[in-house]
Amino acid sequence: MKLSHTKARVLSKALMATGLVCAILFILSTRLSLGVLVGSHHAITSTAGLVSWRWSISDWSTNIATMSHFGPLFLDRNDDALEWWPTIRDSPASGELSFPLIYPMLGMLIPGIYLAYRHRFRPGCCKRCGYDLAGLPTNVPCPECGRARPSA
């Protein structure tokens, strides 16, 4: 499937923004445990480079009593080493499904950067909009965006 230059630019910006959010969360999770309560028995947390869905039979207010919490958000210091593999931990009283943030971060940033720069230096095309300028006189501006062509 071939993307137009405008669609590729919008998609690349969305991918890079999502990848940067994952990168910021990854960096924060190396030193902090961040989380949000989802109901009374579930929580989404980020710690040690992982994003996790956790569940417990008991009420979460007892599990986060030692942490700083602001309404449904909670925060604590993290001294755990980074984890690089998805994990599933399950017991009769609680459980956790974790996924490393490094993989979605790279999965968003690498295609986003590729899409942003693939049209950048194509010869014979407008540097602003990507319009093919083949067959046009050199003194005519780009008919798509009006950018003046550099004199070579």
Protein backbone atom coordinates (compact mmCIF):
# COMPACT_ATOMS: atom_id res chain seq x y z
CA MET A 1 0.00 0.00 0.00
CA LYS A 2 1.43 3.35 -1.05
CA LEU A 3 0.85 6.29 1.28
CA SER A 4 0.59 9.83 0.00
CA HIS A 5 3.17 12.26 1.32
CA THR A 6 0.62 14.02 3.56
CA LYS A 7 -0.76 10.78 5.03
CA ALA A 8 2.77 9.50 5.62
CA ARG A 9 3.67 12.74 7.43
CA VAL A 10 0.58 12.55 9.67
CA LEU A 11 1.17 8.86 10.39
CA SER A 12 4.86 9.46 11.14
CA LYS A 13 4.01 12.24 13.60
CA ALA A 14 1.43 10.05 15.34
CA LEU A 15 3.87 7.12 15.56
CA MET A 16 6.69 9.30 16.84
CA ALA A 17 4.44 11.01 19.43
CA THR A 18 3.24 7.62 20.72
CA GLY A 19 6.82 6.33 20.75
CA LEU A 20 7.99 9.38 22.70
CA VAL A 21 5.23 8.86 25.28
CA CYS A 22 6.44 5.24 25.66
CA ALA A 23 10.05 6.48 25.94
CA ILE A 24 9.16 8.98 28.67
CA LEU A 25 7.18 6.36 30.57
CA PHE A 26 10.06 3.89 30.16
CA ILE A 27 12.58 6.40 31.54
CA LEU A 28 10.32 7.35 34.44
CA SER A 29 9.62 3.71 35.27
CA THR A 30 13.32 2.98 35.74
CA ARG A 31 13.26 5.10 38.94
CA LEU A 32 9.57 5.36 39.89
CA SER A 33 6.60 3.05 40.21
CA LEU A 34 3.64 4.78 38.61
CA GLY A 35 0.10 3.49 38.61
CA VAL A 36 -3.58 4.16 38.30
CA LEU A 37 -6.37 2.25 40.00
CA VAL A 38 -9.05 0.80 37.74
CA GLY A 39 -11.88 -0.14 40.04
CA SER A 40 -11.19 -1.56 43.48
CA HIS A 41 -9.43 -4.77 42.39
CA HIS A 42 -7.40 -3.77 39.29
CA ALA A 43 -4.50 -1.41 38.58
CA ILE A 44 -2.34 -0.39 35.62
CA THR A 45 1.25 0.15 36.72
CA SER A 46 4.60 1.00 35.18
CA THR A 47 7.77 -0.06 36.95
CA ALA A 48 11.20 -1.44 35.97
CA GLY A 49 10.58 -0.71 32.29
CA LEU A 50 7.31 -2.68 32.25
CA VAL A 51 3.69 -1.71 31.87
CA SER A 52 1.49 -4.09 33.85
CA TRP A 53 -2.15 -4.97 34.41
CA ARG A 54 -2.49 -6.18 38.00
CA TRP A 55 -5.42 -7.70 39.80
CA SER A 56 -6.05 -8.70 43.38
CA ILE A 57 -8.85 -10.30 45.39
CA SER A 58 -8.26 -7.81 48.21
CA ASP A 59 -8.96 -4.11 47.88
CA TRP A 60 -6.06 -2.16 46.30
CA SER A 61 -6.16 0.48 49.03
CA THR A 62 -4.38 -2.00 51.33
CA ASN A 63 -1.72 -2.72 48.67
CA ILE A 64 -0.82 0.94 48.09
CA ALA A 65 -1.05 2.17 51.67
CA THR A 66 2.73 2.83 51.79
CA MET A 67 2.77 4.72 48.47
CA SER A 68 2.01 8.35 47.75
CA HIS A 69 -1.39 8.44 46.10
CA PHE A 70 -3.50 11.19 44.62
CA GLY A 71 -7.03 9.91 44.10
CA PRO A 72 -6.73 6.92 41.76
CA LEU A 73 -3.05 7.70 40.91
CA PHE A 74 -0.18 6.36 42.99
CA LEU A 75 3.58 6.80 42.97
CA ASP A 76 6.51 5.11 44.71
CA ARG A 77 10.28 4.82 44.39
CA ASN A 78 11.57 1.93 42.28
CA ASP A 79 14.84 0.11 42.93
CA ASP A 80 14.10 -2.94 40.76
CA ALA A 81 16.31 -3.91 37.82
CA LEU A 82 14.92 -3.49 34.30
CA GLU A 83 12.97 -6.42 32.93
CA TRP A 84 13.10 -7.23 29.22
CA TRP A 85 10.58 -10.05 28.74
CA PRO A 86 6.78 -10.23 29.00
CA THR A 87 5.66 -11.93 32.20
CA ILE A 88 2.52 -13.50 33.59
CA ARG A 89 2.34 -14.06 37.33
CA ASP A 90 -0.77 -15.64 38.77
CA SER A 91 -1.69 -16.86 42.21
CA PRO A 92 -5.04 -17.50 43.88
CA ALA A 93 -5.03 -14.05 45.51
CA SER A 94 -3.49 -11.82 42.83
CA GLY A 95 -1.92 -11.69 39.43
CA GLU A 96 0.00 -9.59 36.93
CA LEU A 97 0.38 -9.40 33.16
CA SER A 98 3.44 -7.32 32.19
CA PHE A 99 4.93 -6.16 28.90
CA PRO A 100 8.26 -4.30 28.42
CA LEU A 101 7.86 -0.70 27.21
CA ILE A 102 11.00 -0.87 25.09
CA TYR A 103 9.27 -2.94 22.39
CA PRO A 104 6.30 -0.63 21.66
CA MET A 105 8.65 2.34 21.96
CA LEU A 106 10.96 1.00 19.26
CA GLY A 107 8.00 -0.34 17.26
CA MET A 108 6.56 3.19 17.06
CA LEU A 109 9.74 5.27 16.73
CA ILE A 110 11.52 3.29 14.00
CA PRO A 111 8.62 3.28 11.45
CA GLY A 112 7.77 6.89 12.41
CA ILE A 113 11.30 8.08 11.70
CA TYR A 114 11.41 6.08 8.46
CA LEU A 115 8.12 7.59 7.24
CA ALA A 116 9.25 11.08 8.20
CA TYR A 117 12.50 10.88 6.24
CA ARG A 118 11.74 8.65 3.27
CA HIS A 119 10.51 11.55 1.10
CA ARG A 120 13.11 13.96 2.39
CA PHE A 121 15.82 13.68 -0.26
CA ARG A 122 14.22 12.22 -3.36
CA PRO A 123 15.80 13.88 -6.39
CA GLY A 124 13.44 15.69 -8.78
CA CYS A 125 10.73 16.24 -6.15
CA CYS A 126 9.66 19.29 -4.19
CA LYS A 127 11.39 19.34 -0.78
CA ARG A 128 8.26 20.69 0.96
CA CYS A 129 5.37 18.62 -0.39
CA GLY A 130 7.03 15.79 -2.37
CA TYR A 131 5.40 16.72 -5.73
CA ASP A 132 7.24 15.24 -8.74
CA LEU A 133 8.76 18.19 -10.63
CA ALA A 134 9.95 16.15 -13.64
CA GLY A 135 9.21 17.85 -16.96
CA LEU A 136 8.73 21.35 -15.50
CA PRO A 137 11.03 24.24 -16.41
CA THR A 138 13.58 25.06 -13.70
CA ASN A 139 12.32 28.63 -13.13
CA VAL A 140 8.71 27.56 -12.35
CA PRO A 141 7.75 27.17 -8.66
CA CYS A 142 6.15 23.97 -7.43
CA PRO A 143 2.58 23.83 -8.78
CA GLU A 144 1.38 21.94 -5.67
CA CYS A 145 2.62 24.18 -2.83
CA GLY A 146 4.13 27.24 -4.57
CA ARG A 147 7.63 26.80 -3.15
CA ALA A 148 10.32 28.44 -5.28
CA ARG A 149 12.76 25.96 -6.73
CA PRO A 150 16.40 26.47 -5.80
CA SER A 151 18.67 27.49 -8.65
CA ALA A 152 21.10 24.67 -9.21
